[in-house]
Amino acid sequence: MDFIHPLQQNVVLVNKLGLHARPAARIARLARQAKGPVWILRHGERADATNVLELLALACPQGSPLRIAIEDPADRPVLEALVRLVQNGFEEDPP
């Protein structure tokens, strides 16, 4: 059983173009609302979610598993919003 800390959530990129500039900017915008650090993790690499260039450096195509992590429990609404954003494919792909 894979235990996930309550301040972390696993997601999979579902949009066709993966994590490119527009989605990275949307993640960063949301992450900047957090009081504490927000991280995106992929294959042992960690990116500051407020930094678009760090997000792009993760090189995440469609289907990439990611972990979103926060450090401050008060930032749970930001974590939940980020999870929804990714799960909805950044609202890029038509239904």
PDB file of N, CA and C in Angstrom:
ATOM      1  N   MET A   1       0.844  -1.185   0.000  1.00  0.00           N
ATOM      2  CA  MET A   1       0.000   0.000   0.000  1.00  0.00           C
ATOM      3  C   MET A   1       0.885   1.242   0.000  1.00  0.00           C
ATOM      4  N   ASP A   2       0.616   2.152  -0.904  1.00  0.00           N
ATOM      5  CA  ASP A   2       1.408   3.371  -1.044  1.00  0.00           C
ATOM      6  C   ASP A   2       0.817   4.449  -0.144  1.00  0.00           C
ATOM      7  N   PHE A   3       1.501   4.742   0.958  1.00  0.00           N
ATOM      8  CA  PHE A   3       1.016   5.764   1.881  1.00  0.00           C
ATOM      9  C   PHE A   3       1.397   7.143   1.356  1.00  0.00           C
ATOM     10  N   ILE A   4       0.419   8.003   1.283  1.00  0.00           N
ATOM     11  CA  ILE A   4       0.647   9.375   0.856  1.00  0.00           C
ATOM     12  C   ILE A   4       0.387  10.282   2.056  1.00  0.00           C
ATOM     13  N   HIS A   5       1.319  11.144   2.330  1.00  0.00           N
ATOM     14  CA  HIS A   5       1.158  12.121   3.408  1.00  0.00           C
ATOM     15  C   HIS A   5      -0.075  12.959   3.123  1.00  0.00           C
ATOM     16  N   PRO A   6      -0.834  13.359   4.148  1.00  0.00           N
ATOM     17  CA  PRO A   6      -2.064  14.124   3.895  1.00  0.00           C
ATOM     18  C   PRO A   6      -1.845  15.467   3.194  1.00  0.00           C
ATOM     19  N   LEU A   7      -0.608  15.923   3.139  1.00  0.00           N
ATOM     20  CA  LEU A   7      -0.336  17.189   2.467  1.00  0.00           C
ATOM     21  C   LEU A   7       0.231  16.959   1.067  1.00  0.00           C
ATOM     22  N   GLN A   8       0.011  15.759   0.536  1.00  0.00           N
ATOM     23  CA  GLN A   8       0.469  15.407  -0.806  1.00  0.00           C
ATOM     24  C   GLN A   8      -0.645  14.705  -1.552  1.00  0.00           C
ATOM     25  N   GLN A   9      -0.618  14.852  -2.863  1.00  0.00           N
ATOM     26  CA  GLN A   9      -1.631  14.182  -3.681  1.00  0.00           C
ATOM     27  C   GLN A   9      -0.986  13.750  -4.991  1.00  0.00           C
ATOM     28  N   ASN A  10      -1.251  12.512  -5.404  1.00  0.00           N
ATOM     29  CA  ASN A  10      -0.769  12.022  -6.693  1.00  0.00           C
ATOM     30  C   ASN A  10      -1.790  12.347  -7.772  1.00  0.00           C
ATOM     31  N   VAL A  11      -1.296  12.760  -8.936  1.00  0.00           N
ATOM     32  CA  VAL A  11      -2.136  13.052 -10.089  1.00  0.00           C
ATOM     33  C   VAL A  11      -1.429  12.547 -11.343  1.00  0.00           C
ATOM     34  N   VAL A  12      -2.179  12.462 -12.432  1.00  0.00           N
ATOM     35  CA  VAL A  12      -1.613  12.086 -13.730  1.00  0.00           C
ATOM     36  C   VAL A  12      -2.013  13.155 -14.730  1.00  0.00           C
ATOM     37  N   LEU A  13      -1.055  13.611 -15.526  1.00  0.00           N
ATOM     38  CA  LEU A  13      -1.354  14.613 -16.556  1.00  0.00           C
ATOM     39  C   LEU A  13      -2.216  13.970 -17.636  1.00  0.00           C
ATOM     40  N   VAL A  14      -3.393  14.526 -17.862  1.00  0.00           N
ATOM     41  CA  VAL A  14      -4.309  13.938 -18.843  1.00  0.00           C
ATOM     42  C   VAL A  14      -4.399  14.744 -20.144  1.00  0.00           C
ATOM     43  N   ASN A  15      -3.962  15.998 -20.114  1.00  0.00           N
ATOM     44  CA  ASN A  15      -4.084  16.803 -21.329  1.00  0.00           C
ATOM     45  C   ASN A  15      -3.069  16.364 -22.384  1.00  0.00           C
ATOM     46  N   LYS A  16      -3.439  16.480 -23.631  1.00  0.00           N
ATOM     47  CA  LYS A  16      -2.643  15.952 -24.744  1.00  0.00           C
ATOM     48  C   LYS A  16      -1.233  16.522 -24.817  1.00  0.00           C
ATOM     49  N   LEU A  17      -1.073  17.794 -24.494  1.00  0.00           N
ATOM     50  CA  LEU A  17       0.239  18.433 -24.646  1.00  0.00           C
ATOM     51  C   LEU A  17       1.095  18.367 -23.384  1.00  0.00           C
ATOM     52  N   GLY A  18       0.598  17.751 -22.331  1.00  0.00           N
ATOM     53  CA  GLY A  18       1.383  17.630 -21.109  1.00  0.00           C
ATOM     54  C   GLY A  18       1.584  18.981 -20.441  1.00  0.00           C
ATOM     55  N   LEU A  19       2.654  19.059 -19.682  1.00  0.00           N
ATOM     56  CA  LEU A  19       2.933  20.285 -18.918  1.00  0.00           C
ATOM     57  C   LEU A  19       3.769  21.238 -19.769  1.00  0.00           C
ATOM     58  N   HIS A  20       3.087  22.087 -20.524  1.00  0.00           N
ATOM     59  CA  HIS A  20       3.765  23.087 -21.341  1.00  0.00           C
ATOM     60  C   HIS A  20       3.575  24.457 -20.685  1.00  0.00           C
ATOM     61  N   ALA A  21       3.912  25.519 -21.376  1.00  0.00           N
ATOM     62  CA  ALA A  21       3.975  26.852 -20.773  1.00  0.00           C
ATOM     63  C   ALA A  21       2.664  27.328 -20.142  1.00  0.00           C
ATOM     64  N   ARG A  22       1.547  27.189 -20.850  1.00  0.00           N
ATOM     65  CA  ARG A  22       0.272  27.691 -20.285  1.00  0.00           C
ATOM     66  C   ARG A  22      -0.125  26.960 -19.005  1.00  0.00           C
ATOM     67  N   PRO A  23      -0.121  25.620 -19.004  1.00  0.00           N
ATOM     68  CA  PRO A  23      -0.449  24.934 -17.751  1.00  0.00           C
ATOM     69  C   PRO A  23       0.543  25.249 -16.630  1.00  0.00           C
ATOM     70  N   ALA A  24       1.820  25.361 -16.969  1.00  0.00           N
ATOM     71  CA  ALA A  24       2.824  25.691 -15.951  1.00  0.00           C
ATOM     72  C   ALA A  24       2.529  27.064 -15.345  1.00  0.00           C
ATOM     73  N   ALA A  25       2.131  28.006 -16.175  1.00  0.00           N
ATOM     74  CA  ALA A  25       1.796  29.340 -15.671  1.00  0.00           C
ATOM     75  C   ALA A  25       0.560  29.293 -14.776  1.00  0.00           C
ATOM     76  N   ARG A  26      -0.408  28.453 -15.123  1.00  0.00           N
ATOM     77  CA  ARG A  26      -1.618  28.323 -14.300  1.00  0.00           C
ATOM     78  C   ARG A  26      -1.284  27.690 -12.949  1.00  0.00           C
ATOM     79  N   ILE A  27      -0.418  26.686 -12.956  1.00  0.00           N
ATOM     80  CA  ILE A  27       0.021  26.074 -11.704  1.00  0.00           C
ATOM     81  C   ILE A  27       0.726  27.108 -10.846  1.00  0.00           C
ATOM     82  N   ALA A  28       1.652  27.847 -11.447  1.00  0.00           N
ATOM     83  CA  ALA A  28       2.420  28.845 -10.698  1.00  0.00           C
ATOM     84  C   ALA A  28       1.510  29.913 -10.098  1.00  0.00           C
ATOM     85  N   ARG A  29       0.526  30.348 -10.867  1.00  0.00           N
ATOM     86  CA  ARG A  29      -0.404  31.373 -10.379  1.00  0.00           C
ATOM     87  C   ARG A  29      -1.161  30.873  -9.142  1.00  0.00           C
ATOM     88  N   LEU A  30      -1.635  29.650  -9.215  1.00  0.00           N
ATOM     89  CA  LEU A  30      -2.347  29.070  -8.068  1.00  0.00           C
ATOM     90  C   LEU A  30      -1.407  28.863  -6.889  1.00  0.00           C
ATOM     91  N   ALA A  31      -0.219  28.344  -7.151  1.00  0.00           N
ATOM     92  CA  ALA A  31       0.740  28.052  -6.080  1.00  0.00           C
ATOM     93  C   ALA A  31       1.161  29.314  -5.339  1.00  0.00           C
ATOM     94  N   ARG A  32       1.181  30.433  -6.026  1.00  0.00           N
ATOM     95  CA  ARG A  32       1.569  31.697  -5.379  1.00  0.00           C
ATOM     96  C   ARG A  32       0.553  32.148  -4.329  1.00  0.00           C
ATOM     97  N   GLN A  33      -0.638  31.559  -4.329  1.00  0.00           N
ATOM     98  CA  GLN A  33      -1.647  31.886  -3.326  1.00  0.00           C
ATOM     99  C   GLN A  33      -1.367  31.190  -1.993  1.00  0.00           C
ATOM    100  N   ALA A  34      -0.481  30.221  -1.992  1.00  0.00           N
ATOM    101  CA  ALA A  34      -0.162  29.462  -0.784  1.00  0.00           C
ATOM    102  C   ALA A  34       0.706  30.283   0.163  1.00  0.00           C
ATOM    103  N   LYS A  35       0.553  30.002   1.441  1.00  0.00           N
ATOM    104  CA  LYS A  35       1.367  30.665   2.461  1.00  0.00           C
ATOM    105  C   LYS A  35       2.753  30.042   2.541  1.00  0.00           C
ATOM    106  N   GLY A  36       2.821  28.744   2.301  1.00  0.00           N
ATOM    107  CA  GLY A  36       4.090  28.020   2.363  1.00  0.00           C
ATOM    108  C   GLY A  36       4.485  27.486   1.006  1.00  0.00           C
ATOM    109  N   PRO A  37       5.580  26.746   0.954  1.00  0.00           N
ATOM    110  CA  PRO A  37       6.056  26.177  -0.308  1.00  0.00           C
ATOM    111  C   PRO A  37       5.079  25.149  -0.892  1.00  0.00           C
ATOM    112  N   VAL A  38       5.038  25.099  -2.213  1.00  0.00           N
ATOM    113  CA  VAL A  38       4.270  24.100  -2.954  1.00  0.00           C
ATOM    114  C   VAL A  38       5.250  23.461  -3.934  1.00  0.00           C
ATOM    115  N   TRP A  39       5.256  22.134  -3.963  1.00  0.00           N
ATOM    116  CA  TRP A  39       6.211  21.411  -4.792  1.00  0.00           C
ATOM    117  C   TRP A  39       5.489  20.485  -5.770  1.00  0.00           C
ATOM    118  N   ILE A  40       6.068  20.321  -6.941  1.00  0.00           N
ATOM    119  CA  ILE A  40       5.636  19.320  -7.906  1.00  0.00           C
ATOM    120  C   ILE A  40       6.803  18.345  -8.033  1.00  0.00           C
ATOM    121  N   LEU A  41       6.522  17.066  -7.839  1.00  0.00           N
ATOM    122  CA  LEU A  41       7.568  16.048  -7.871  1.00  0.00           C
ATOM    123  C   LEU A  41       7.300  15.044  -8.982  1.00  0.00           C
ATOM    124  N   ARG A  42       8.380  14.672  -9.679  1.00  0.00           N
ATOM    125  CA  ARG A  42       8.285  13.669 -10.748  1.00  0.00           C
ATOM    126  C   ARG A  42       9.603  12.909 -10.820  1.00  0.00           C
ATOM    127  N   HIS A  43       9.538  11.610 -10.695  1.00  0.00           N
ATOM    128  CA  HIS A  43      10.714  10.734 -10.813  1.00  0.00           C
ATOM    129  C   HIS A  43      11.885  11.218  -9.957  1.00  0.00           C
ATOM    130  N   GLY A  44      11.616  11.585  -8.721  1.00  0.00           N
ATOM    131  CA  GLY A  44      12.684  12.003  -7.814  1.00  0.00           C
ATOM    132  C   GLY A  44      13.136  13.441  -7.981  1.00  0.00           C
ATOM    133  N   GLU A  45      12.608  14.135  -8.957  1.00  0.00           N
ATOM    134  CA  GLU A  45      12.944  15.548  -9.143  1.00  0.00           C
ATOM    135  C   GLU A  45      11.853  16.400  -8.511  1.00  0.00           C
ATOM    136  N   ARG A  46      12.246  17.554  -7.988  1.00  0.00           N
ATOM    137  CA  ARG A  46      11.291  18.437  -7.328  1.00  0.00           C
ATOM    138  C   ARG A  46      11.394  19.827  -7.924  1.00  0.00           C
ATOM    139  N   ALA A  47      10.231  20.410  -8.219  1.00  0.00           N
ATOM    140  CA  ALA A  47      10.173  21.766  -8.771  1.00  0.00           C
ATOM    141  C   ALA A  47       9.334  22.638  -7.861  1.00  0.00           C
ATOM    142  N   ASP A  48       9.784  23.863  -7.670  1.00  0.00           N
ATOM    143  CA  ASP A  48       8.996  24.868  -6.965  1.00  0.00           C
ATOM    144  C   ASP A  48       7.804  25.192  -7.858  1.00  0.00           C
ATOM    145  N   ALA A  49       6.600  24.953  -7.361  1.00  0.00           N
ATOM    146  CA  ALA A  49       5.402  25.125  -8.182  1.00  0.00           C
ATOM    147  C   ALA A  49       5.133  26.573  -8.559  1.00  0.00           C
ATOM    148  N   THR A  50       5.808  27.522  -7.928  1.00  0.00           N
ATOM    149  CA  THR A  50       5.618  28.924  -8.288  1.00  0.00           C
ATOM    150  C   THR A  50       6.560  29.356  -9.413  1.00  0.00           C
ATOM    151  N   ASN A  51       7.452  28.463  -9.829  1.00  0.00           N
ATOM    152  CA  ASN A  51       8.476  28.800 -10.806  1.00  0.00           C
ATOM    153  C   ASN A  51       8.200  28.072 -12.126  1.00  0.00           C
ATOM    154  N   VAL A  52       7.740  28.798 -13.118  1.00  0.00           N
ATOM    155  CA  VAL A  52       7.370  28.209 -14.412  1.00  0.00           C
ATOM    156  C   VAL A  52       8.541  27.466 -15.041  1.00  0.00           C
ATOM    157  N   LEU A  53       9.732  28.024 -14.994  1.00  0.00           N
ATOM    158  CA  LEU A  53      10.883  27.365 -15.617  1.00  0.00           C
ATOM    159  C   LEU A  53      11.220  26.051 -14.929  1.00  0.00           C
ATOM    160  N   GLU A  54      11.114  26.003 -13.609  1.00  0.00           N
ATOM    161  CA  GLU A  54      11.359  24.744 -12.902  1.00  0.00           C
ATOM    162  C   GLU A  54      10.307  23.707 -13.274  1.00  0.00           C
ATOM    163  N   LEU A  55       9.070  24.137 -13.420  1.00  0.00           N
ATOM    164  CA  LEU A  55       8.006  23.216 -13.820  1.00  0.00           C
ATOM    165  C   LEU A  55       8.271  22.656 -15.216  1.00  0.00           C
ATOM    166  N   LEU A  56       8.650  23.522 -16.143  1.00  0.00           N
ATOM    167  CA  LEU A  56       8.924  23.080 -17.507  1.00  0.00           C
ATOM    168  C   LEU A  56      10.119  22.130 -17.566  1.00  0.00           C
ATOM    169  N   ALA A  57      11.088  22.344 -16.678  1.00  0.00           N
ATOM    170  CA  ALA A  57      12.282  21.499 -16.654  1.00  0.00           C
ATOM    171  C   ALA A  57      11.966  20.057 -16.257  1.00  0.00           C
ATOM    172  N   LEU A  58      10.797  19.816 -15.659  1.00  0.00           N
ATOM    173  CA  LEU A  58      10.403  18.447 -15.311  1.00  0.00           C
ATOM    174  C   LEU A  58      10.073  17.623 -16.561  1.00  0.00           C
ATOM    175  N   ALA A  59       9.832  18.295 -17.690  1.00  0.00           N
ATOM    176  CA  ALA A  59       9.565  17.634 -18.982  1.00  0.00           C
ATOM    177  C   ALA A  59       8.496  16.552 -18.842  1.00  0.00           C
ATOM    178  N   CYS A  60       7.261  16.968 -18.624  1.00  0.00           N
ATOM    179  CA  CYS A  60       6.160  16.052 -18.342  1.00  0.00           C
ATOM    180  C   CYS A  60       5.199  15.931 -19.524  1.00  0.00           C
ATOM    181  N   PRO A  61       5.255  14.834 -20.260  1.00  0.00           N
ATOM    182  CA  PRO A  61       4.279  14.616 -21.333  1.00  0.00           C
ATOM    183  C   PRO A  61       2.962  14.078 -20.765  1.00  0.00           C
ATOM    184  N   GLN A  62       1.975  13.953 -21.618  1.00  0.00           N
ATOM    185  CA  GLN A  62       0.698  13.357 -21.227  1.00  0.00           C
ATOM    186  C   GLN A  62       0.949  11.992 -20.590  1.00  0.00           C
ATOM    187  N   GLY A  63       0.220  11.704 -19.512  1.00  0.00           N
ATOM    188  CA  GLY A  63       0.353  10.432 -18.817  1.00  0.00           C
ATOM    189  C   GLY A  63       1.381  10.431 -17.706  1.00  0.00           C
ATOM    190  N   SER A  64       2.101  11.543 -17.543  1.00  0.00           N
ATOM    191  CA  SER A  64       3.111  11.612 -16.486  1.00  0.00           C
ATOM    192  C   SER A  64       2.466  11.606 -15.108  1.00  0.00           C
ATOM    193  N   PRO A  65       2.956  10.737 -14.212  1.00  0.00           N
ATOM    194  CA  PRO A  65       2.494  10.785 -12.834  1.00  0.00           C
ATOM    195  C   PRO A  65       3.249  11.882 -12.086  1.00  0.00           C
ATOM    196  N   LEU A  66       2.508  12.670 -11.338  1.00  0.00           N
ATOM    197  CA  LEU A  66       3.104  13.751 -10.555  1.00  0.00           C
ATOM    198  C   LEU A  66       2.615  13.647  -9.123  1.00  0.00           C
ATOM    199  N   ARG A  67       3.386  14.208  -8.222  1.00  0.00           N
ATOM    200  CA  ARG A  67       2.945  14.358  -6.844  1.00  0.00           C
ATOM    201  C   ARG A  67       2.978  15.845  -6.536  1.00  0.00           C
ATOM    202  N   ILE A  68       1.881  16.363  -6.021  1.00  0.00           N
ATOM    203  CA  ILE A  68       1.798  17.759  -5.597  1.00  0.00           C
ATOM    204  C   ILE A  68       1.890  17.754  -4.086  1.00  0.00           C
ATOM    205  N   ALA A  69       2.780  18.559  -3.535  1.00  0.00           N
ATOM    206  CA  ALA A  69       2.993  18.578  -2.091  1.00  0.00           C
ATOM    207  C   ALA A  69       2.990  20.007  -1.562  1.00  0.00           C
ATOM    208  N   ILE A  70       2.386  20.158  -0.391  1.00  0.00           N
ATOM    209  CA  ILE A  70       2.406  21.437   0.313  1.00  0.00           C
ATOM    210  C   ILE A  70       3.043  21.198   1.671  1.00  0.00           C
ATOM    211  N   GLU A  71       3.519  22.264   2.314  1.00  0.00           N
ATOM    212  CA  GLU A  71       4.136  22.127   3.625  1.00  0.00           C
ATOM    213  C   GLU A  71       3.261  22.684   4.742  1.00  0.00           C
ATOM    214  N   ASP A  72       2.386  23.624   4.422  1.00  0.00           N
ATOM    215  CA  ASP A  72       1.534  24.260   5.423  1.00  0.00           C
ATOM    216  C   ASP A  72       0.111  23.702   5.302  1.00  0.00           C
ATOM    217  N   PRO A  73      -0.416  23.077   6.366  1.00  0.00           N
ATOM    218  CA  PRO A  73      -1.780  22.540   6.301  1.00  0.00           C
ATOM    219  C   PRO A  73      -2.828  23.578   5.906  1.00  0.00           C
ATOM    220  N   ALA A  74      -2.568  24.848   6.179  1.00  0.00           N
ATOM    221  CA  ALA A  74      -3.514  25.904   5.804  1.00  0.00           C
ATOM    222  C   ALA A  74      -3.628  26.044   4.288  1.00  0.00           C
ATOM    223  N   ASP A  75      -2.684  25.469   3.559  1.00  0.00           N
ATOM    224  CA  ASP A  75      -2.689  25.561   2.091  1.00  0.00           C
ATOM    225  C   ASP A  75      -3.448  24.415   1.425  1.00  0.00           C
ATOM    226  N   ARG A  76      -4.170  23.617   2.201  1.00  0.00           N
ATOM    227  CA  ARG A  76      -4.934  22.505   1.626  1.00  0.00           C
ATOM    228  C   ARG A  76      -5.855  22.964   0.486  1.00  0.00           C
ATOM    229  N   PRO A  77      -6.552  24.127   0.573  1.00  0.00           N
ATOM    230  CA  PRO A  77      -7.381  24.568  -0.554  1.00  0.00           C
ATOM    231  C   PRO A  77      -6.562  24.772  -1.842  1.00  0.00           C
ATOM    232  N   VAL A  78      -5.331  25.220  -1.711  1.00  0.00           N
ATOM    233  CA  VAL A  78      -4.466  25.390  -2.885  1.00  0.00           C
ATOM    234  C   VAL A  78      -4.129  24.017  -3.457  1.00  0.00           C
ATOM    235  N   LEU A  79      -3.794  23.067  -2.588  1.00  0.00           N
ATOM    236  CA  LEU A  79      -3.505  21.706  -3.039  1.00  0.00           C
ATOM    237  C   LEU A  79      -4.707  21.132  -3.788  1.00  0.00           C
ATOM    238  N   GLU A  80      -5.881  21.268  -3.215  1.00  0.00           N
ATOM    239  CA  GLU A  80      -7.093  20.738  -3.847  1.00  0.00           C
ATOM    240  C   GLU A  80      -7.365  21.409  -5.188  1.00  0.00           C
ATOM    241  N   ALA A  81      -7.139  22.716  -5.272  1.00  0.00           N
ATOM    242  CA  ALA A  81      -7.350  23.442  -6.537  1.00  0.00           C
ATOM    243  C   ALA A  81      -6.353  22.974  -7.597  1.00  0.00           C
ATOM    244  N   LEU A  82      -5.115  22.731  -7.199  1.00  0.00           N
ATOM    245  CA  LEU A  82      -4.106  22.247  -8.147  1.00  0.00           C
ATOM    246  C   LEU A  82      -4.452  20.854  -8.652  1.00  0.00           C
ATOM    247  N   VAL A  83      -4.914  20.000  -7.760  1.00  0.00           N
ATOM    248  CA  VAL A  83      -5.315  18.644  -8.159  1.00  0.00           C
ATOM    249  C   VAL A  83      -6.452  18.712  -9.176  1.00  0.00           C
ATOM    250  N   ARG A  84      -7.460  19.534  -8.891  1.00  0.00           N
ATOM    251  CA  ARG A  84      -8.581  19.678  -9.835  1.00  0.00           C
ATOM    252  C   ARG A  84      -8.103  20.205 -11.179  1.00  0.00           C
ATOM    253  N   LEU A  85      -7.211  21.183 -11.160  1.00  0.00           N
ATOM    254  CA  LEU A  85      -6.690  21.776 -12.391  1.00  0.00           C
ATOM    255  C   LEU A  85      -6.028  20.701 -13.264  1.00  0.00           C
ATOM    256  N   VAL A  86      -5.182  19.888 -12.661  1.00  0.00           N
ATOM    257  CA  VAL A  86      -4.491  18.833 -13.412  1.00  0.00           C
ATOM    258  C   VAL A  86      -5.482  17.773 -13.885  1.00  0.00           C
ATOM    259  N   GLN A  87      -6.365  17.334 -12.998  1.00  0.00           N
ATOM    260  CA  GLN A  87      -7.336  16.304 -13.361  1.00  0.00           C
ATOM    261  C   GLN A  87      -8.272  16.752 -14.479  1.00  0.00           C
ATOM    262  N   ASN A  88      -8.521  18.047 -14.579  1.00  0.00           N
ATOM    263  CA  ASN A  88      -9.375  18.586 -15.637  1.00  0.00           C
ATOM    264  C   ASN A  88      -8.599  18.914 -16.900  1.00  0.00           C
ATOM    265  N   GLY A  89      -7.357  18.483 -16.969  1.00  0.00           N
ATOM    266  CA  GLY A  89      -6.556  18.714 -18.175  1.00  0.00           C
ATOM    267  C   GLY A  89      -6.300  20.178 -18.463  1.00  0.00           C
ATOM    268  N   PHE A  90      -6.274  20.990 -17.398  1.00  0.00           N
ATOM    269  CA  PHE A  90      -6.059  22.433 -17.524  1.00  0.00           C
ATOM    270  C   PHE A  90      -7.116  23.074 -18.410  1.00  0.00           C
ATOM    271  N   GLU A  91      -8.238  22.348 -18.594  1.00  0.00           N
ATOM    272  CA  GLU A  91      -9.356  22.818 -19.416  1.00  0.00           C
ATOM    273  C   GLU A  91      -8.934  23.153 -20.834  1.00  0.00           C
ATOM    274  N   GLU A  92      -7.918  22.396 -21.329  1.00  0.00           N
ATOM    275  CA  GLU A  92      -7.406  22.642 -22.681  1.00  0.00           C
ATOM    276  C   GLU A  92      -8.083  21.790 -23.747  1.00  0.00           C
ATOM    277  N   ASP A  93      -8.310  20.532 -23.420  1.00  0.00           N
ATOM    278  CA  ASP A  93      -8.838  19.609 -24.415  1.00  0.00           C
ATOM    279  C   ASP A  93     -10.358  19.661 -24.431  1.00  0.00           C
ATOM    280  N   PRO A  94     -10.951  19.689 -25.618  1.00  0.00           N
ATOM    281  CA  PRO A  94     -12.412  19.670 -25.685  1.00  0.00           C
ATOM    282  C   PRO A  94     -12.950  18.348 -25.151  1.00  0.00           C
ATOM    283  N   PRO A  95     -14.155  18.347 -24.608  1.00  0.00           N
ATOM    284  CA  PRO A  95     -14.728  17.116 -24.050  1.00  0.00           C
ATOM    285  C   PRO A  95     -14.942  16.047 -25.104  1.00  0.00           C
TER     286      PRO A  95
END
